[in-house]
């Protein structure tokens, strides 16, 4: 399969972005000022990410709600048209095939299901619908000053609340705007037809929004304690192990993988996702053994340097008896990094 490029690819290259492969796409890793500068801009002001590599599967028609409700873990009846919901698509063994945001569009029986980059085909296979990823770009504007910055570009977008979904015009172009994001900060994600995306991108930069790449997106989501598919979610990993039982609607009569998940809940999960802070600036990485008093109790799934905290942080699956405050060591290629188990998130909004 050929590598795909975003409708904003020329804009990224014009800015001198470092381009990296990700989920079958070529996407910007960072720009000239680097990942840490982009990370801090998001925590202190505002940034814009190109997240066009995320899929969009449009599920519509009178049976759309039923198909999603019977397949995905969360309960669509908890929300309404004009709202977004985080949910999971499970395999039959209860593990997470994908974590998804569903945008329930204001039209009422139209849902934009937003899978991770490499999982669009399996989502179509599970819930039906039409893959419209190639028709649009998605720009994520995030940060404490996002509303102030975006007000000069798309004024009504500044008033879109958390998890709201609405349709707006920008220079006569219809857009879908959702109060969602992946940084732990306030913000919106804007789906815009591909041809108009470069103009919107440039308008946001002209308004003082900083472009940011996948590097900052990863460090930001890690500080916020948010899972990444392929690390904290994926084959063999269930919502219960990942600390995400809140996305499982047990009161629903059915969803894919329910029987396996019920069995795990009854037996108690054998591991759970925890946060670890480490001492010093050297960051832990994924797939590092975690030990307590020399005994291995788990493995890290993600790790990096936290620009806000000034030391290393990691997510790890640990045996369930390990509590917050426990002293641990993370084995980084033979170097033992002292650490401590802490509650998530590492950094809270604002």
C-alpha atoms as a PDB file:
ATOM      1  CA  UNK A   1       0.000   0.000   0.000  1.00  0.00           C
ATOM      2  CA  UNK A   2       1.354   3.425  -0.937  1.00  0.00           C
ATOM      3  CA  UNK A   3       2.065   6.005   1.747  1.00  0.00           C
ATOM      4  CA  UNK A   4      -0.615   8.690   2.020  1.00  0.00           C
ATOM      5  CA  UNK A   5      -0.077  12.414   2.395  1.00  0.00           C
ATOM      6  CA  UNK A   6      -2.200  15.016   4.107  1.00  0.00           C
ATOM      7  CA  UNK A   7      -3.888  17.795   2.103  1.00  0.00           C
ATOM      8  CA  UNK A   8      -1.542  20.046   4.105  1.00  0.00           C
ATOM      9  CA  UNK A   9       1.644  18.235   3.093  1.00  0.00           C
ATOM     10  CA  UNK A  10       2.947  21.157   1.007  1.00  0.00           C
ATOM     11  CA  UNK A  11       2.352  23.531   3.936  1.00  0.00           C
ATOM     12  CA  UNK A  12       4.380  21.349   6.282  1.00  0.00           C
ATOM     13  CA  UNK A  13       7.288  21.074   3.872  1.00  0.00           C
ATOM     14  CA  UNK A  14       7.223  24.804   3.203  1.00  0.00           C
ATOM     15  CA  UNK A  15       7.666  25.344   6.946  1.00  0.00           C
ATOM     16  CA  UNK A  16      10.649  22.970   7.014  1.00  0.00           C
ATOM     17  CA  UNK A  17       8.892  20.260   9.000  1.00  0.00           C
ATOM     18  CA  UNK A  18      10.664  17.008   9.727  1.00  0.00           C
ATOM     19  CA  UNK A  19       8.444  14.423   8.048  1.00  0.00           C
ATOM     20  CA  UNK A  20       7.993  10.932   9.504  1.00  0.00           C
ATOM     21  CA  UNK A  21       5.952   7.846   8.570  1.00  0.00           C
ATOM     22  CA  UNK A  22       2.991   7.220  10.855  1.00  0.00           C
ATOM     23  CA  UNK A  23       0.171   4.737  10.378  1.00  0.00           C
ATOM     24  CA  UNK A  24       0.632   4.610   6.614  1.00  0.00           C
ATOM     25  CA  UNK A  25       0.924   8.396   6.263  1.00  0.00           C
ATOM     26  CA  UNK A  26       3.764  10.914   5.991  1.00  0.00           C
ATOM     27  CA  UNK A  27       3.176  13.461   8.753  1.00  0.00           C
ATOM     28  CA  UNK A  28       5.161  16.257  10.435  1.00  0.00           C
ATOM     29  CA  UNK A  29       7.133  15.193  13.507  1.00  0.00           C
ATOM     30  CA  UNK A  30       8.147  18.750  14.388  1.00  0.00           C
ATOM     31  CA  UNK A  31       9.007  22.118  12.896  1.00  0.00           C
ATOM     32  CA  UNK A  32      12.063  24.367  13.135  1.00  0.00           C
ATOM     33  CA  UNK A  33      11.739  25.278  16.830  1.00  0.00           C
ATOM     34  CA  UNK A  34      11.462  21.631  17.913  1.00  0.00           C
ATOM     35  CA  UNK A  35       9.139  19.440  19.924  1.00  0.00           C
ATOM     36  CA  UNK A  36       9.701  21.015  23.355  1.00  0.00           C
ATOM     37  CA  UNK A  37       8.917  24.521  22.065  1.00  0.00           C
ATOM     38  CA  UNK A  38       5.749  23.223  20.412  1.00  0.00           C
ATOM     39  CA  UNK A  39       4.771  21.377  23.590  1.00  0.00           C
ATOM     40  CA  UNK A  40       5.193  24.509  25.724  1.00  0.00           C
ATOM     41  CA  UNK A  41       3.256  26.596  23.197  1.00  0.00           C
ATOM     42  CA  UNK A  42       0.291  24.254  23.653  1.00  0.00           C
ATOM     43  CA  UNK A  43       0.454  24.404  27.444  1.00  0.00           C
ATOM     44  CA  UNK A  44       0.914  28.199  27.516  1.00  0.00           C
ATOM     45  CA  UNK A  45      -0.839  29.564  24.412  1.00  0.00           C
ATOM     46  CA  UNK A  46      -2.136  27.607  21.409  1.00  0.00           C
ATOM     47  CA  UNK A  47      -1.008  25.247  18.661  1.00  0.00           C
ATOM     48  CA  UNK A  48      -2.498  23.657  15.581  1.00  0.00           C
ATOM     49  CA  UNK A  49      -1.918  19.992  14.662  1.00  0.00           C
ATOM     50  CA  UNK A  50      -2.670  18.438  11.322  1.00  0.00           C
ATOM     51  CA  UNK A  51      -4.506  15.249  12.321  1.00  0.00           C
ATOM     52  CA  UNK A  52      -5.783  14.394   8.857  1.00  0.00           C
ATOM     53  CA  UNK A  53      -4.250  10.937   9.247  1.00  0.00           C
ATOM     54  CA  UNK A  54      -7.123  10.049  11.569  1.00  0.00           C
ATOM     55  CA  UNK A  55      -9.897   8.276   9.728  1.00  0.00           C
ATOM     56  CA  UNK A  56     -13.443   9.468   9.170  1.00  0.00           C
ATOM     57  CA  UNK A  57     -16.060   6.780   8.611  1.00  0.00           C
ATOM     58  CA  UNK A  58     -19.504   8.266   7.955  1.00  0.00           C
ATOM     59  CA  UNK A  59     -22.303   6.057   9.224  1.00  0.00           C
ATOM     60  CA  UNK A  60     -25.739   7.355   8.328  1.00  0.00           C
ATOM     61  CA  UNK A  61     -29.348   6.364   7.850  1.00  0.00           C
ATOM     62  CA  UNK A  62     -32.163   5.129  10.071  1.00  0.00           C
ATOM     63  CA  UNK A  63     -30.182   2.145  11.371  1.00  0.00           C
ATOM     64  CA  UNK A  64     -26.901   4.012  12.000  1.00  0.00           C
ATOM     65  CA  UNK A  65     -27.529   4.513  15.729  1.00  0.00           C
ATOM     66  CA  UNK A  66     -28.438   0.852  16.202  1.00  0.00           C
ATOM     67  CA  UNK A  67     -25.326  -0.416  14.399  1.00  0.00           C
ATOM     68  CA  UNK A  68     -23.005   1.719  16.514  1.00  0.00           C
ATOM     69  CA  UNK A  69     -24.878   1.018  19.732  1.00  0.00           C
ATOM     70  CA  UNK A  70     -24.736  -2.758  19.248  1.00  0.00           C
ATOM     71  CA  UNK A  71     -21.032  -2.790  18.328  1.00  0.00           C
ATOM     72  CA  UNK A  72     -19.142  -0.135  20.336  1.00  0.00           C
ATOM     73  CA  UNK A  73     -18.698  -0.177  24.106  1.00  0.00           C
ATOM     74  CA  UNK A  74     -20.077   3.191  25.174  1.00  0.00           C
ATOM     75  CA  UNK A  75     -23.756   4.127  25.301  1.00  0.00           C
ATOM     76  CA  UNK A  76     -24.848   6.529  22.576  1.00  0.00           C
ATOM     77  CA  UNK A  77     -28.067   7.118  24.474  1.00  0.00           C
ATOM     78  CA  UNK A  78     -26.012   9.094  27.005  1.00  0.00           C
ATOM     79  CA  UNK A  79     -25.518  11.813  24.378  1.00  0.00           C
ATOM     80  CA  UNK A  80     -27.530  13.362  21.543  1.00  0.00           C
ATOM     81  CA  UNK A  81     -27.092  14.830  18.089  1.00  0.00           C
ATOM     82  CA  UNK A  82     -24.526  17.618  18.249  1.00  0.00           C
ATOM     83  CA  UNK A  83     -22.273  15.832  20.762  1.00  0.00           C
ATOM     84  CA  UNK A  84     -19.131  13.661  20.660  1.00  0.00           C
ATOM     85  CA  UNK A  85     -18.353  10.488  22.616  1.00  0.00           C
ATOM     86  CA  UNK A  86     -15.200   8.468  23.291  1.00  0.00           C
ATOM     87  CA  UNK A  87     -15.701   4.725  22.846  1.00  0.00           C
ATOM     88  CA  UNK A  88     -13.957   1.433  22.025  1.00  0.00           C
ATOM     89  CA  UNK A  89     -14.259  -1.205  19.341  1.00  0.00           C
ATOM     90  CA  UNK A  90     -13.357  -4.521  20.954  1.00  0.00           C
ATOM     91  CA  UNK A  91     -12.239  -7.815  19.529  1.00  0.00           C
ATOM     92  CA  UNK A  92     -14.096 -10.946  20.579  1.00  0.00           C
ATOM     93  CA  UNK A  93     -11.485 -11.545  23.314  1.00  0.00           C
ATOM     94  CA  UNK A  94     -12.261  -8.146  24.878  1.00  0.00           C
ATOM     95  CA  UNK A  95      -9.064  -6.439  23.729  1.00  0.00           C
ATOM     96  CA  UNK A  96      -9.235  -2.992  22.134  1.00  0.00           C
ATOM     97  CA  UNK A  97      -9.144  -3.096  18.336  1.00  0.00           C
ATOM     98  CA  UNK A  98      -9.405   0.688  18.337  1.00  0.00           C
ATOM     99  CA  UNK A  99     -10.325   3.631  20.504  1.00  0.00           C
ATOM    100  CA  UNK A 100     -12.625   5.987  18.687  1.00  0.00           C
ATOM    101  CA  UNK A 101     -14.317   9.358  18.910  1.00  0.00           C
ATOM    102  CA  UNK A 102     -17.840   9.395  17.515  1.00  0.00           C
ATOM    103  CA  UNK A 103     -19.049  12.788  16.280  1.00  0.00           C
ATOM    104  CA  UNK A 104     -22.856  12.678  16.267  1.00  0.00           C
ATOM    105  CA  UNK A 105     -23.489  15.325  13.663  1.00  0.00           C
ATOM    106  CA  UNK A 106     -26.345  17.832  14.132  1.00  0.00           C
ATOM    107  CA  UNK A 107     -28.261  16.280  11.208  1.00  0.00           C
ATOM    108  CA  UNK A 108     -29.489  13.618  13.643  1.00  0.00           C
ATOM    109  CA  UNK A 109     -28.884  10.309  11.878  1.00  0.00           C
ATOM    110  CA  UNK A 110     -25.339  10.998  10.655  1.00  0.00           C
ATOM    111  CA  UNK A 111     -22.280   9.904  12.653  1.00  0.00           C
ATOM    112  CA  UNK A 112     -18.629  10.599  11.847  1.00  0.00           C
ATOM    113  CA  UNK A 113     -16.680   7.760  13.449  1.00  0.00           C
ATOM    114  CA  UNK A 114     -13.038   8.791  13.929  1.00  0.00           C
ATOM    115  CA  UNK A 115     -10.648   5.794  14.160  1.00  0.00           C
ATOM    116  CA  UNK A 116      -6.871   5.823  14.460  1.00  0.00           C
ATOM    117  CA  UNK A 117      -4.813   6.119  11.295  1.00  0.00           C
ATOM    118  CA  UNK A 118      -4.272   2.445  10.528  1.00  0.00           C
ATOM    119  CA  UNK A 119      -7.635   1.137  11.731  1.00  0.00           C
ATOM    120  CA  UNK A 120     -10.140   2.668   9.310  1.00  0.00           C
ATOM    121  CA  UNK A 121     -10.752  -0.530   7.337  1.00  0.00           C
ATOM    122  CA  UNK A 122     -11.469  -2.620  10.435  1.00  0.00           C
ATOM    123  CA  UNK A 123     -13.924   0.017  11.689  1.00  0.00           C
ATOM    124  CA  UNK A 124     -15.764  -0.017   8.342  1.00  0.00           C
ATOM    125  CA  UNK A 125     -15.874  -3.808   8.542  1.00  0.00           C
ATOM    126  CA  UNK A 126     -17.372  -3.622  12.047  1.00  0.00           C
ATOM    127  CA  UNK A 127     -19.965  -0.844  11.716  1.00  0.00           C
ATOM    128  CA  UNK A 128     -20.345  -0.245   7.979  1.00  0.00           C
ATOM    129  CA  UNK A 129     -20.442   3.275   6.624  1.00  0.00           C
ATOM    130  CA  UNK A 130     -18.332   5.078   4.051  1.00  0.00           C
ATOM    131  CA  UNK A 131     -14.668   6.040   4.393  1.00  0.00           C
ATOM    132  CA  UNK A 132     -14.594   9.788   3.657  1.00  0.00           C
ATOM    133  CA  UNK A 133     -11.075  10.378   4.985  1.00  0.00           C
ATOM    134  CA  UNK A 134      -9.756  11.508   1.585  1.00  0.00           C
ATOM    135  CA  UNK A 135     -12.410  14.209   1.275  1.00  0.00           C
ATOM    136  CA  UNK A 136     -11.313  16.353   4.226  1.00  0.00           C
ATOM    137  CA  UNK A 137      -8.464  17.542   6.400  1.00  0.00           C
ATOM    138  CA  UNK A 138      -8.723  17.757  10.198  1.00  0.00           C
ATOM    139  CA  UNK A 139      -6.996  20.555  12.117  1.00  0.00           C
ATOM    140  CA  UNK A 140      -6.768  20.395  15.913  1.00  0.00           C
ATOM    141  CA  UNK A 141      -6.396  23.799  17.600  1.00  0.00           C
ATOM    142  CA  UNK A 142      -5.406  23.275  21.228  1.00  0.00           C
ATOM    143  CA  UNK A 143      -4.243  25.315  24.204  1.00  0.00           C
ATOM    144  CA  UNK A 144      -5.472  27.703  26.918  1.00  0.00           C
ATOM    145  CA  UNK A 145      -5.594  30.618  24.467  1.00  0.00           C
ATOM    146  CA  UNK A 146      -7.142  28.702  21.571  1.00  0.00           C
ATOM    147  CA  UNK A 147     -10.437  30.624  21.772  1.00  0.00           C
ATOM    148  CA  UNK A 148      -8.665  33.977  21.730  1.00  0.00           C
ATOM    149  CA  UNK A 149      -6.589  32.985  18.705  1.00  0.00           C
ATOM    150  CA  UNK A 150      -9.311  31.265  16.698  1.00  0.00           C
ATOM    151  CA  UNK A 151     -11.773  34.111  17.247  1.00  0.00           C
ATOM    152  CA  UNK A 152      -9.958  36.102  14.564  1.00  0.00           C
ATOM    153  CA  UNK A 153     -10.263  33.236  12.074  1.00  0.00           C
ATOM    154  CA  UNK A 154     -13.514  31.364  12.779  1.00  0.00           C
ATOM    155  CA  UNK A 155     -15.311  33.321  15.530  1.00  0.00           C
ATOM    156  CA  UNK A 156     -18.100  30.835  16.203  1.00  0.00           C
ATOM    157  CA  UNK A 157     -15.582  28.032  16.725  1.00  0.00           C
ATOM    158  CA  UNK A 158     -14.325  29.842  19.833  1.00  0.00           C
ATOM    159  CA  UNK A 159     -17.678  29.120  21.490  1.00  0.00           C
ATOM    160  CA  UNK A 160     -17.846  25.383  20.753  1.00  0.00           C
ATOM    161  CA  UNK A 161     -17.979  23.642  24.116  1.00  0.00           C
ATOM    162  CA  UNK A 162     -16.228  20.476  25.204  1.00  0.00           C
ATOM    163  CA  UNK A 163     -17.576  17.500  23.226  1.00  0.00           C
ATOM    164  CA  UNK A 164     -20.009  19.667  21.280  1.00  0.00           C
ATOM    165  CA  UNK A 165     -20.268  19.050  17.521  1.00  0.00           C
ATOM    166  CA  UNK A 166     -21.546  21.711  15.135  1.00  0.00           C
ATOM    167  CA  UNK A 167     -21.378  22.773  11.502  1.00  0.00           C
ATOM    168  CA  UNK A 168     -19.967  26.169  10.597  1.00  0.00           C
ATOM    169  CA  UNK A 169     -19.085  28.030   7.430  1.00  0.00           C
ATOM    170  CA  UNK A 170     -15.591  29.408   6.912  1.00  0.00           C
ATOM    171  CA  UNK A 171     -15.363  31.735   3.915  1.00  0.00           C
ATOM    172  CA  UNK A 172     -18.343  29.929   2.450  1.00  0.00           C
ATOM    173  CA  UNK A 173     -16.851  26.469   3.064  1.00  0.00           C
ATOM    174  CA  UNK A 174     -18.863  24.074   5.279  1.00  0.00           C
ATOM    175  CA  UNK A 175     -16.870  22.683   8.216  1.00  0.00           C
ATOM    176  CA  UNK A 176     -17.615  20.345  11.100  1.00  0.00           C
ATOM    177  CA  UNK A 177     -16.184  21.569  14.410  1.00  0.00           C
ATOM    178  CA  UNK A 178     -15.960  19.403  17.535  1.00  0.00           C
ATOM    179  CA  UNK A 179     -14.850  20.361  21.029  1.00  0.00           C
ATOM    180  CA  UNK A 180     -12.435  17.431  21.196  1.00  0.00           C
ATOM    181  CA  UNK A 181      -8.658  16.962  21.322  1.00  0.00           C
ATOM    182  CA  UNK A 182      -5.778  14.874  22.591  1.00  0.00           C
ATOM    183  CA  UNK A 183      -3.599  17.179  24.674  1.00  0.00           C
ATOM    184  CA  UNK A 184      -5.342  17.705  28.007  1.00  0.00           C
ATOM    185  CA  UNK A 185      -5.999  21.324  27.018  1.00  0.00           C
ATOM    186  CA  UNK A 186      -9.077  23.133  25.734  1.00  0.00           C
ATOM    187  CA  UNK A 187      -9.568  23.208  22.004  1.00  0.00           C
ATOM    188  CA  UNK A 188     -11.450  22.155  18.904  1.00  0.00           C
ATOM    189  CA  UNK A 189     -10.936  19.869  15.945  1.00  0.00           C
ATOM    190  CA  UNK A 190     -12.063  21.189  12.558  1.00  0.00           C
ATOM    191  CA  UNK A 191     -12.915  18.919   9.635  1.00  0.00           C
ATOM    192  CA  UNK A 192     -12.747  20.973   6.427  1.00  0.00           C
ATOM    193  CA  UNK A 193     -12.880  19.953   2.754  1.00  0.00           C
ATOM    194  CA  UNK A 194      -9.372  19.159   1.542  1.00  0.00           C
ATOM    195  CA  UNK A 195      -9.134  21.945  -1.018  1.00  0.00           C
ATOM    196  CA  UNK A 196      -9.834  24.655   1.588  1.00  0.00           C
ATOM    197  CA  UNK A 197      -7.567  23.258   4.303  1.00  0.00           C
ATOM    198  CA  UNK A 198      -4.334  25.098   3.310  1.00  0.00           C
ATOM    199  CA  UNK A 199      -6.072  28.478   3.483  1.00  0.00           C
ATOM    200  CA  UNK A 200      -7.440  27.727   6.961  1.00  0.00           C
ATOM    201  CA  UNK A 201      -4.023  26.471   8.095  1.00  0.00           C
ATOM    202  CA  UNK A 202      -2.330  29.677   6.955  1.00  0.00           C
ATOM    203  CA  UNK A 203      -5.047  31.827   8.541  1.00  0.00           C
ATOM    204  CA  UNK A 204      -4.519  30.119  11.901  1.00  0.00           C
ATOM    205  CA  UNK A 205      -0.749  30.645  11.709  1.00  0.00           C
ATOM    206  CA  UNK A 206      -1.306  34.301  10.783  1.00  0.00           C
ATOM    207  CA  UNK A 207      -3.469  34.617  13.914  1.00  0.00           C
ATOM    208  CA  UNK A 208      -0.531  33.521  16.078  1.00  0.00           C
ATOM    209  CA  UNK A 209      -1.273  29.819  16.459  1.00  0.00           C
ATOM    210  CA  UNK A 210       1.937  27.742  16.523  1.00  0.00           C
ATOM    211  CA  UNK A 211       2.203  24.714  14.200  1.00  0.00           C
ATOM    212  CA  UNK A 212       2.951  21.507  16.108  1.00  0.00           C
ATOM    213  CA  UNK A 213       3.796  17.975  15.013  1.00  0.00           C
ATOM    214  CA  UNK A 214       3.410  14.418  16.188  1.00  0.00           C
ATOM    215  CA  UNK A 215       6.322  14.723  18.631  1.00  0.00           C
ATOM    216  CA  UNK A 216       4.548  17.325  20.753  1.00  0.00           C
ATOM    217  CA  UNK A 217       1.231  15.548  20.316  1.00  0.00           C
ATOM    218  CA  UNK A 218       2.797  12.482  21.944  1.00  0.00           C
ATOM    219  CA  UNK A 219       4.462  14.272  24.855  1.00  0.00           C
ATOM    220  CA  UNK A 220       1.289  16.264  25.527  1.00  0.00           C
ATOM    221  CA  UNK A 221      -0.975  13.212  25.572  1.00  0.00           C
ATOM    222  CA  UNK A 222       1.534  11.410  27.803  1.00  0.00           C
ATOM    223  CA  UNK A 223       1.541  14.264  30.352  1.00  0.00           C
ATOM    224  CA  UNK A 224      -2.259  14.102  30.263  1.00  0.00           C
ATOM    225  CA  UNK A 225      -2.183  10.332  30.859  1.00  0.00           C
ATOM    226  CA  UNK A 226      -4.046   9.592  27.615  1.00  0.00           C
ATOM    227  CA  UNK A 227      -3.619   6.167  25.974  1.00  0.00           C
ATOM    228  CA  UNK A 228      -2.120   5.663  22.524  1.00  0.00           C
ATOM    229  CA  UNK A 229      -3.281   2.769  20.393  1.00  0.00           C
ATOM    230  CA  UNK A 230      -0.388   0.374  19.883  1.00  0.00           C
ATOM    231  CA  UNK A 231       1.021   1.246  23.308  1.00  0.00           C
ATOM    232  CA  UNK A 232      -1.640   1.414  26.038  1.00  0.00           C
ATOM    233  CA  UNK A 233      -4.377  -0.090  23.879  1.00  0.00           C
ATOM    234  CA  UNK A 234      -4.275  -2.899  21.344  1.00  0.00           C
ATOM    235  CA  UNK A 235      -4.108  -6.703  21.066  1.00  0.00           C
ATOM    236  CA  UNK A 236      -4.290  -8.353  24.473  1.00  0.00           C
ATOM    237  CA  UNK A 237      -5.149  -5.076  26.232  1.00  0.00           C
ATOM    238  CA  UNK A 238      -8.689  -4.580  27.516  1.00  0.00           C
ATOM    239  CA  UNK A 239     -10.434  -1.399  28.708  1.00  0.00           C
ATOM    240  CA  UNK A 240     -10.381  -2.809  32.248  1.00  0.00           C
ATOM    241  CA  UNK A 241      -6.602  -3.219  32.212  1.00  0.00           C
ATOM    242  CA  UNK A 242      -6.203   0.283  30.751  1.00  0.00           C
ATOM    243  CA  UNK A 243      -8.297   1.901  33.496  1.00  0.00           C
ATOM    244  CA  UNK A 244     -11.011   2.822  31.003  1.00  0.00           C
ATOM    245  CA  UNK A 245     -13.999   0.907  32.333  1.00  0.00           C
ATOM    246  CA  UNK A 246     -15.928   4.189  32.199  1.00  0.00           C
ATOM    247  CA  UNK A 247     -16.259   3.727  28.413  1.00  0.00           C
ATOM    248  CA  UNK A 248     -17.960   0.355  28.921  1.00  0.00           C
ATOM    249  CA  UNK A 249     -21.763   0.609  29.151  1.00  0.00           C
ATOM    250  CA  UNK A 250     -22.586  -2.510  31.129  1.00  0.00           C
ATOM    251  CA  UNK A 251     -26.305  -1.659  31.119  1.00  0.00           C
ATOM    252  CA  UNK A 252     -26.469  -2.101  27.343  1.00  0.00           C
ATOM    253  CA  UNK A 253     -27.673  -5.551  26.304  1.00  0.00           C
ATOM    254  CA  UNK A 254     -24.868  -6.038  23.795  1.00  0.00           C
ATOM    255  CA  UNK A 255     -21.586  -4.820  22.402  1.00  0.00           C
ATOM    256  CA  UNK A 256     -18.796  -6.677  20.695  1.00  0.00           C
ATOM    257  CA  UNK A 257     -16.473  -8.476  23.134  1.00  0.00           C
ATOM    258  CA  UNK A 258     -18.883  -8.186  26.062  1.00  0.00           C
ATOM    259  CA  UNK A 259     -18.716 -11.832  27.184  1.00  0.00           C
ATOM    260  CA  UNK A 260     -14.924 -11.843  27.400  1.00  0.00           C
ATOM    261  CA  UNK A 261     -14.906  -8.523  29.248  1.00  0.00           C
ATOM    262  CA  UNK A 262     -17.507  -9.751  31.736  1.00  0.00           C
ATOM    263  CA  UNK A 263     -15.343 -12.806  32.441  1.00  0.00           C
ATOM    264  CA  UNK A 264     -12.270 -10.638  33.030  1.00  0.00           C
ATOM    265  CA  UNK A 265     -14.196  -8.320  35.339  1.00  0.00           C
ATOM    266  CA  UNK A 266     -15.401 -11.281  37.398  1.00  0.00           C
ATOM    267  CA  UNK A 267     -11.876 -12.697  37.678  1.00  0.00           C
ATOM    268  CA  UNK A 268     -10.273  -9.243  38.204  1.00  0.00           C
ATOM    269  CA  UNK A 269      -7.746  -7.943  35.639  1.00  0.00           C
ATOM    270  CA  UNK A 270      -4.237  -9.329  36.010  1.00  0.00           C
ATOM    271  CA  UNK A 271      -2.651  -5.914  35.473  1.00  0.00           C
ATOM    272  CA  UNK A 272      -3.601  -2.250  35.343  1.00  0.00           C
ATOM    273  CA  UNK A 273      -2.226   0.866  33.709  1.00  0.00           C
ATOM    274  CA  UNK A 274      -0.370   3.202  36.079  1.00  0.00           C
ATOM    275  CA  UNK A 275       1.712   6.357  35.960  1.00  0.00           C
ATOM    276  CA  UNK A 276       5.383   6.460  36.967  1.00  0.00           C
ATOM    277  CA  UNK A 277       7.573   9.505  37.504  1.00  0.00           C
ATOM    278  CA  UNK A 278      11.338   9.034  37.320  1.00  0.00           C
ATOM    279  CA  UNK A 279      14.165  11.098  38.743  1.00  0.00           C
ATOM    280  CA  UNK A 280      16.306  13.294  36.519  1.00  0.00           C
ATOM    281  CA  UNK A 281      16.019  14.353  32.903  1.00  0.00           C
ATOM    282  CA  UNK A 282      16.836  11.000  31.313  1.00  0.00           C
ATOM    283  CA  UNK A 283      13.479   9.702  30.076  1.00  0.00           C
ATOM    284  CA  UNK A 284      12.143   6.183  30.389  1.00  0.00           C
ATOM    285  CA  UNK A 285      10.970   4.542  27.171  1.00  0.00           C
ATOM    286  CA  UNK A 286       8.457   1.899  26.162  1.00  0.00           C
ATOM    287  CA  UNK A 287       9.078  -1.797  26.860  1.00  0.00           C
ATOM    288  CA  UNK A 288      11.254  -1.250  29.955  1.00  0.00           C
ATOM    289  CA  UNK A 289      10.914  -3.697  32.871  1.00  0.00           C
ATOM    290  CA  UNK A 290       9.587  -2.157  36.098  1.00  0.00           C
ATOM    291  CA  UNK A 291      10.749  -3.630  39.398  1.00  0.00           C
ATOM    292  CA  UNK A 292       9.987  -3.319  43.103  1.00  0.00           C
ATOM    293  CA  UNK A 293      12.831  -4.478  45.367  1.00  0.00           C
ATOM    294  CA  UNK A 294      14.373  -6.297  42.426  1.00  0.00           C
ATOM    295  CA  UNK A 295      11.193  -8.192  41.531  1.00  0.00           C
ATOM    296  CA  UNK A 296       9.658  -7.451  38.129  1.00  0.00           C
ATOM    297  CA  UNK A 297       6.092  -6.146  38.476  1.00  0.00           C
ATOM    298  CA  UNK A 298       5.364  -4.859  34.991  1.00  0.00           C
ATOM    299  CA  UNK A 299       6.508  -3.128  31.827  1.00  0.00           C
ATOM    300  CA  UNK A 300       6.354   0.431  30.555  1.00  0.00           C
ATOM    301  CA  UNK A 301       4.188   1.158  27.512  1.00  0.00           C
ATOM    302  CA  UNK A 302       5.236   4.779  26.857  1.00  0.00           C
ATOM    303  CA  UNK A 303       7.865   7.038  28.344  1.00  0.00           C
ATOM    304  CA  UNK A 304       9.402  10.439  27.731  1.00  0.00           C
ATOM    305  CA  UNK A 305      10.706  13.642  29.274  1.00  0.00           C
ATOM    306  CA  UNK A 306       7.970  15.928  30.601  1.00  0.00           C
ATOM    307  CA  UNK A 307       8.718  19.535  29.542  1.00  0.00           C
ATOM    308  CA  UNK A 308       6.312  20.829  32.200  1.00  0.00           C
ATOM    309  CA  UNK A 309       7.531  18.714  35.124  1.00  0.00           C
ATOM    310  CA  UNK A 310      11.206  18.683  34.129  1.00  0.00           C
ATOM    311  CA  UNK A 311      11.742  14.939  34.649  1.00  0.00           C
ATOM    312  CA  UNK A 312      10.839  11.605  33.128  1.00  0.00           C
ATOM    313  CA  UNK A 313       7.339  10.130  33.075  1.00  0.00           C
ATOM    314  CA  UNK A 314       6.001   6.787  31.905  1.00  0.00           C
ATOM    315  CA  UNK A 315       2.849   4.731  31.603  1.00  0.00           C
ATOM    316  CA  UNK A 316       3.168   1.090  32.576  1.00  0.00           C
ATOM    317  CA  UNK A 317       1.102  -2.022  33.097  1.00  0.00           C
ATOM    318  CA  UNK A 318       1.762  -3.184  36.650  1.00  0.00           C
ATOM    319  CA  UNK A 319       0.444  -6.015  38.776  1.00  0.00           C
ATOM    320  CA  UNK A 320      -2.719  -4.918  40.598  1.00  0.00           C
ATOM    321  CA  UNK A 321      -1.298  -4.893  44.123  1.00  0.00           C
ATOM    322  CA  UNK A 322       1.085  -2.012  43.310  1.00  0.00           C
ATOM    323  CA  UNK A 323      -0.324   1.186  44.817  1.00  0.00           C
ATOM    324  CA  UNK A 324       0.239   4.903  44.283  1.00  0.00           C
ATOM    325  CA  UNK A 325       3.347   5.997  46.147  1.00  0.00           C
ATOM    326  CA  UNK A 326       5.193   2.724  45.600  1.00  0.00           C
ATOM    327  CA  UNK A 327       8.904   3.126  44.869  1.00  0.00           C
ATOM    328  CA  UNK A 328      10.005   1.371  41.676  1.00  0.00           C
ATOM    329  CA  UNK A 329      12.926   1.204  39.292  1.00  0.00           C
ATOM    330  CA  UNK A 330      12.654   1.334  35.506  1.00  0.00           C
ATOM    331  CA  UNK A 331      15.320  -0.685  33.689  1.00  0.00           C
ATOM    332  CA  UNK A 332      16.422   1.511  30.770  1.00  0.00           C
ATOM    333  CA  UNK A 333      18.869  -0.637  28.800  1.00  0.00           C
ATOM    334  CA  UNK A 334      20.668  -1.737  31.949  1.00  0.00           C
ATOM    335  CA  UNK A 335      20.429   1.600  33.768  1.00  0.00           C
ATOM    336  CA  UNK A 336      18.055   1.598  36.728  1.00  0.00           C
ATOM    337  CA  UNK A 337      15.980   4.790  36.848  1.00  0.00           C
ATOM    338  CA  UNK A 338      14.494   5.355  40.337  1.00  0.00           C
ATOM    339  CA  UNK A 339      10.805   6.193  40.186  1.00  0.00           C
ATOM    340  CA  UNK A 340       7.489   6.339  41.957  1.00  0.00           C
ATOM    341  CA  UNK A 341       3.970   5.234  41.030  1.00  0.00           C
ATOM    342  CA  UNK A 342       1.670   8.272  40.855  1.00  0.00           C
ATOM    343  CA  UNK A 343      -1.973   9.046  39.994  1.00  0.00           C
ATOM    344  CA  UNK A 344      -2.856  10.122  36.474  1.00  0.00           C
ATOM    345  CA  UNK A 345      -2.789  12.547  34.794  1.00  0.00           C
ATOM    346  CA  UNK A 346       0.762  13.743  35.346  1.00  0.00           C
ATOM    347  CA  UNK A 347      -0.212  17.294  34.332  1.00  0.00           C
ATOM    348  CA  UNK A 348      -3.710  18.708  34.683  1.00  0.00           C
ATOM    349  CA  UNK A 349      -5.300  21.245  32.352  1.00  0.00           C
ATOM    350  CA  UNK A 350      -4.166  24.787  33.069  1.00  0.00           C
END
